[in-house]
Protein backbone atom coordinates (compact mmCIF):
# COMPACT_ATOMS: atom_id res chain seq x y z
CA MET A 1 -1.95 -12.99 -2.35
CA ARG A 2 -1.80 -9.30 -1.50
CA GLN A 3 -2.47 -10.14 2.12
CA LEU A 4 0.44 -12.56 2.13
CA LEU A 5 2.72 -9.87 0.77
CA ARG A 6 1.66 -7.56 3.55
CA LEU A 7 2.56 -10.07 6.23
CA SER A 8 6.19 -10.58 5.18
CA VAL A 9 8.97 -8.14 6.06
CA VAL A 10 12.54 -8.09 4.80
CA ILE A 11 15.50 -5.77 5.21
CA ALA A 12 16.67 -4.57 1.81
CA ALA A 13 19.61 -2.30 2.53
CA ALA A 14 20.62 -2.39 6.16
CA ALA A 15 23.73 -0.26 5.75
CA ALA A 16 22.04 2.71 4.10
CA SER A 17 21.42 5.91 6.02
CA CYS A 18 18.48 8.13 5.19
CA ILE A 19 17.66 10.18 8.25
CA VAL A 20 16.36 13.69 7.95
CA PRO A 21 17.99 15.35 10.97
CA LEU A 22 15.77 16.47 13.80
CA ALA A 23 14.90 20.14 13.47
CA ASP A 24 14.99 22.58 16.34
CA ALA A 25 11.83 24.36 17.41
CA HIS A 26 12.43 27.32 15.10
CA ALA A 27 13.54 25.47 11.98
CA ALA A 28 11.56 26.22 8.81
CA THR A 29 13.01 23.36 6.78
CA VAL A 30 15.26 20.32 7.02
CA LYS A 31 17.03 18.61 4.14
CA ASP A 32 18.98 15.42 3.58
CA THR A 33 20.51 13.72 0.54
CA VAL A 34 21.69 10.11 0.54
CA PRO A 35 22.62 7.57 -2.15
CA LEU A 36 20.48 4.58 -3.03
CA ARG A 37 21.80 1.08 -2.46
CA TRP A 38 21.18 -2.24 -4.16
CA THR A 39 18.72 -4.57 -2.50
CA LEU A 40 19.20 -8.33 -2.75
CA ASP A 41 16.92 -8.59 -5.81
CA GLY A 42 18.53 -5.57 -7.45
CA ALA A 43 22.02 -6.83 -6.71
CA ILE A 44 21.29 -10.17 -8.37
CA TYR A 45 19.99 -8.39 -11.45
CA SER A 46 22.83 -5.86 -11.64
CA MET A 47 25.59 -8.27 -10.53
CA ASN A 48 26.54 -6.00 -7.64
CA GLN A 49 26.85 -6.74 -3.96
CA PRO A 50 23.79 -6.06 -1.78
CA ASN A 51 23.94 -2.77 0.15
CA THR A 52 26.51 -1.24 -2.20
CA VAL A 53 25.86 2.26 -3.48
CA VAL A 54 24.13 2.65 -6.84
CA ALA A 55 26.53 4.86 -8.79
CA GLY A 56 25.03 8.20 -9.77
CA SER A 57 21.97 7.82 -7.56
CA TYR A 58 20.53 9.96 -4.80
CA GLN A 59 17.47 10.47 -2.63
CA SER A 60 16.91 14.11 -1.71
CA THR A 61 14.37 14.79 1.03
CA HIS A 62 13.16 18.30 1.80
CA ALA A 63 10.82 18.68 4.76
CA ARG A 64 8.83 21.81 5.55
CA PRO A 65 5.98 22.49 7.96
CA ASN A 66 3.39 21.91 5.22
CA GLY A 67 4.81 18.56 4.08
CA THR A 68 7.80 16.71 2.69
CA ARG A 69 9.07 16.45 -0.85
CA MET A 70 11.27 13.60 -2.04
CA VAL A 71 13.25 13.42 -5.29
CA VAL A 72 14.96 10.18 -6.30
CA GLN A 73 17.25 10.04 -9.31
CA THR A 74 18.95 6.80 -10.20
CA THR A 75 20.39 4.51 -12.82
CA GLY A 76 20.96 0.78 -13.24
CA LEU A 77 17.25 -0.05 -13.27
CA ARG A 78 15.76 -2.65 -15.59
CA PRO A 79 15.28 -0.91 -18.97
CA PHE A 80 11.68 -0.16 -19.91
CA HIS A 81 10.40 -1.54 -16.62
CA ALA A 82 7.72 0.31 -14.69
CA TYR A 83 8.74 1.39 -11.18
CA THR A 84 7.05 2.83 -8.14
CA LEU A 85 8.66 4.90 -5.39
CA TRP A 86 7.54 3.90 -1.88
CA PHE A 87 7.95 6.50 0.80
CA THR A 88 8.51 5.30 4.39
CA PHE A 89 8.30 7.76 7.25
CA PHE A 90 8.25 7.56 11.05
CA ASN A 91 6.47 10.52 12.60
CA HIS A 92 8.05 9.80 15.99
CA PRO A 93 11.44 8.16 15.49
CA GLU A 94 12.30 8.92 19.11
CA HIS A 95 10.21 5.85 19.98
CA CYS A 96 12.08 3.52 17.62
CA GLN A 97 13.78 0.62 19.38
CA HIS A 98 15.33 -1.36 16.52
CA PRO A 99 18.02 0.75 14.83
CA PRO A 100 19.71 -1.35 12.13
CA SER A 101 22.92 0.67 12.44
CA GLU A 102 24.45 3.47 14.51
CA ASP A 103 23.47 6.14 12.01
CA ARG A 104 19.73 5.37 12.00
CA ARG A 105 17.08 5.26 14.66
CA CYS A 106 14.37 3.17 13.02
CA GLY A 107 14.42 -0.39 11.74
CA VAL A 108 11.82 -2.51 10.04
CA LEU A 109 10.24 -3.76 13.28
CA ASP A 110 9.55 -0.19 14.32
CA LEU A 111 6.88 0.03 11.64
CA PHE A 112 4.78 -2.17 13.89
CA ASN A 113 5.27 -0.03 16.99
CA GLU A 114 2.25 2.27 17.16
CA MET A 115 4.23 4.88 19.10
CA THR A 116 6.50 5.53 16.11
CA ASP A 117 3.46 6.25 13.90
CA GLY A 118 5.24 4.79 10.89
CA SER A 119 3.74 4.51 7.41
CA LEU A 120 4.65 3.26 3.95
CA VAL A 121 2.93 5.18 1.15
CA PHE A 122 3.08 5.63 -2.61
CA GLY A 123 5.36 8.43 -3.75
CA ASP A 124 5.59 8.37 -7.54
CA GLY A 125 5.84 6.13 -10.59
CA ALA A 126 8.06 6.17 -13.68
CA VAL A 127 9.35 3.99 -16.50
CA ALA A 128 13.10 3.42 -16.77
CA ASP A 129 14.61 4.45 -20.08
CA ALA A 130 16.78 2.28 -22.35
CA TRP A 131 19.81 2.89 -20.09
CA GLY A 132 17.96 2.15 -16.85
CA ASN A 133 17.68 5.78 -15.75
CA ALA A 134 14.65 7.27 -14.04
CA THR A 135 13.63 10.18 -11.82
CA PHE A 136 10.86 10.11 -9.21
CA ARG A 137 9.25 13.04 -7.42
CA GLY A 138 6.79 12.73 -4.59
CA PHE A 139 5.19 15.05 -2.07
CA ARG A 140 3.37 14.10 1.13
CA PRO A 141 1.29 16.97 2.54
CA VAL A 142 1.02 17.21 6.29
CA ASP A 143 -2.15 15.82 7.93
CA GLU A 144 -3.62 14.41 4.68
CA VAL A 145 -4.64 10.84 3.99
CA PRO A 146 -3.37 9.49 0.61
CA VAL A 147 -6.23 9.02 -1.83
CA GLY A 148 -6.42 6.20 -4.37
CA GLU A 149 -6.15 2.43 -4.67
CA GLU A 150 -3.16 0.85 -2.91
CA GLN A 151 -1.68 4.23 -1.95
CA ILE A 152 -1.09 3.08 1.64
CA ALA A 153 0.92 -0.12 2.08
CA HIS A 154 1.25 0.18 5.85
CA GLY A 155 0.08 2.49 8.62
CA THR A 156 -2.28 5.43 8.44
CA GLY A 157 -0.36 7.14 5.64
CA VAL A 158 -0.67 10.48 7.44
CA LEU A 159 2.45 12.62 7.91
CA THR A 160 2.03 14.64 11.11
CA ASN A 161 5.58 15.62 12.08
CA PRO A 162 7.43 16.55 8.87
CA LEU A 163 10.34 18.38 10.54
CA GLY A 164 11.05 15.60 13.03
CA ALA A 165 10.31 12.47 11.00
CA GLU A 166 12.75 9.91 9.64
CA TYR A 167 12.38 9.19 5.91
CA GLN A 168 13.31 6.23 3.72
CA ALA A 169 12.51 5.10 0.18
CA THR A 170 12.34 2.02 -2.05
CA LEU A 171 12.06 1.54 -5.81
CA ARG A 172 9.82 -1.40 -6.78
CA SER A 173 9.90 -2.97 -10.25
CA HIS A 174 6.58 -3.96 -11.84
CA GLY A 175 7.82 -5.61 -15.03
CA ILE A 176 8.09 -4.20 -18.54
CA TYR A 177 5.68 -1.32 -18.88
CA ASP A 178 2.53 -2.61 -20.58
CA PRO A 179 -0.18 0.08 -20.49
CA ALA A 180 -2.42 -1.87 -22.88
CA THR A 181 -2.73 -4.66 -20.32
CA TYR A 182 -2.42 -2.89 -16.99
CA GLY A 183 -3.24 0.74 -17.71
CA ASP A 184 -1.51 2.90 -15.13
CA GLU A 185 -1.51 0.25 -12.38
CA GLN A 186 2.19 -0.54 -12.85
CA VAL A 187 3.22 3.01 -11.97
CA THR A 188 0.54 3.91 -9.42
CA THR A 189 -0.10 0.88 -7.16
CA LEU A 190 1.74 -1.58 -4.93
CA ASP A 191 0.88 -4.71 -6.91
CA GLY A 192 0.27 -3.51 -10.46
CA GLY A 193 1.82 -6.06 -12.83
CA CYS A 194 2.82 -8.37 -9.96
CA HIS A 195 1.26 -11.70 -10.84
CA LEU A 196 2.89 -14.57 -9.00
CA GLY A 197 3.17 -17.63 -11.19
CA GLU A 198 1.95 -15.78 -14.24
CA LYS A 199 3.74 -12.96 -16.03
CA TYR A 200 5.98 -11.15 -13.55
CA VAL A 201 6.90 -11.13 -9.86
CA CYS A 202 7.60 -7.64 -8.60
CA THR A 203 10.97 -6.98 -6.99
CA ASP A 204 12.37 -4.22 -4.80
CA ASP A 205 15.53 -3.25 -6.66
CA GLN A 206 16.96 -0.22 -4.88
CA ALA A 207 16.47 1.40 -1.48
CA SER A 208 17.77 4.12 0.77
CA GLY A 209 17.35 2.39 4.08
CA PHE A 210 15.25 -0.73 4.62
CA ARG A 211 12.32 -1.95 2.61
CA ALA A 212 9.22 -3.31 4.29
CA GLN A 213 8.00 -5.94 1.83
CA LEU A 214 4.29 -5.46 2.39
């Protein structure tokens, strides 16, 4: 089943922009902050239109030579559900050929272009509170392979060009947090709590950019 998930690709929020601007040769840091938008699954749950901005949400990306930090703060999530933050980056967005809009260089198909060196990796996990609020914080060190089960959903997972990369993010729901049954899997892995035809089917509820459903 996991293999089937990794073969399907959908666009979750085609109108969202989440580019970290290209840095010049002497830049020590680049920053960008963008809102999150509802994906199709999230829009159905929240009774909003897909691609509309999630009120009070933001993705803040701060890239430095030693790595990139991402902070996502949002609301409107499913109360008491476990969520994971998935961190998409393209080390070489100059090779992207499928921009979904004028304000972005990389689209979902560019993940499968080896020249872009794109990856989708685990960023953080959290449980939404009773009002659907949650904050996620992730850091991807430069030139390091993510360690742990299901930490890499696509690509090598290695960030090599932090100041020139394009960054995107997705929040994935894993059902009501149930540590007695799943331990920490719901907040640390791609498929924790996602049992098709059984208890819960995971959904990608919010995104800043596109979501590769892998």
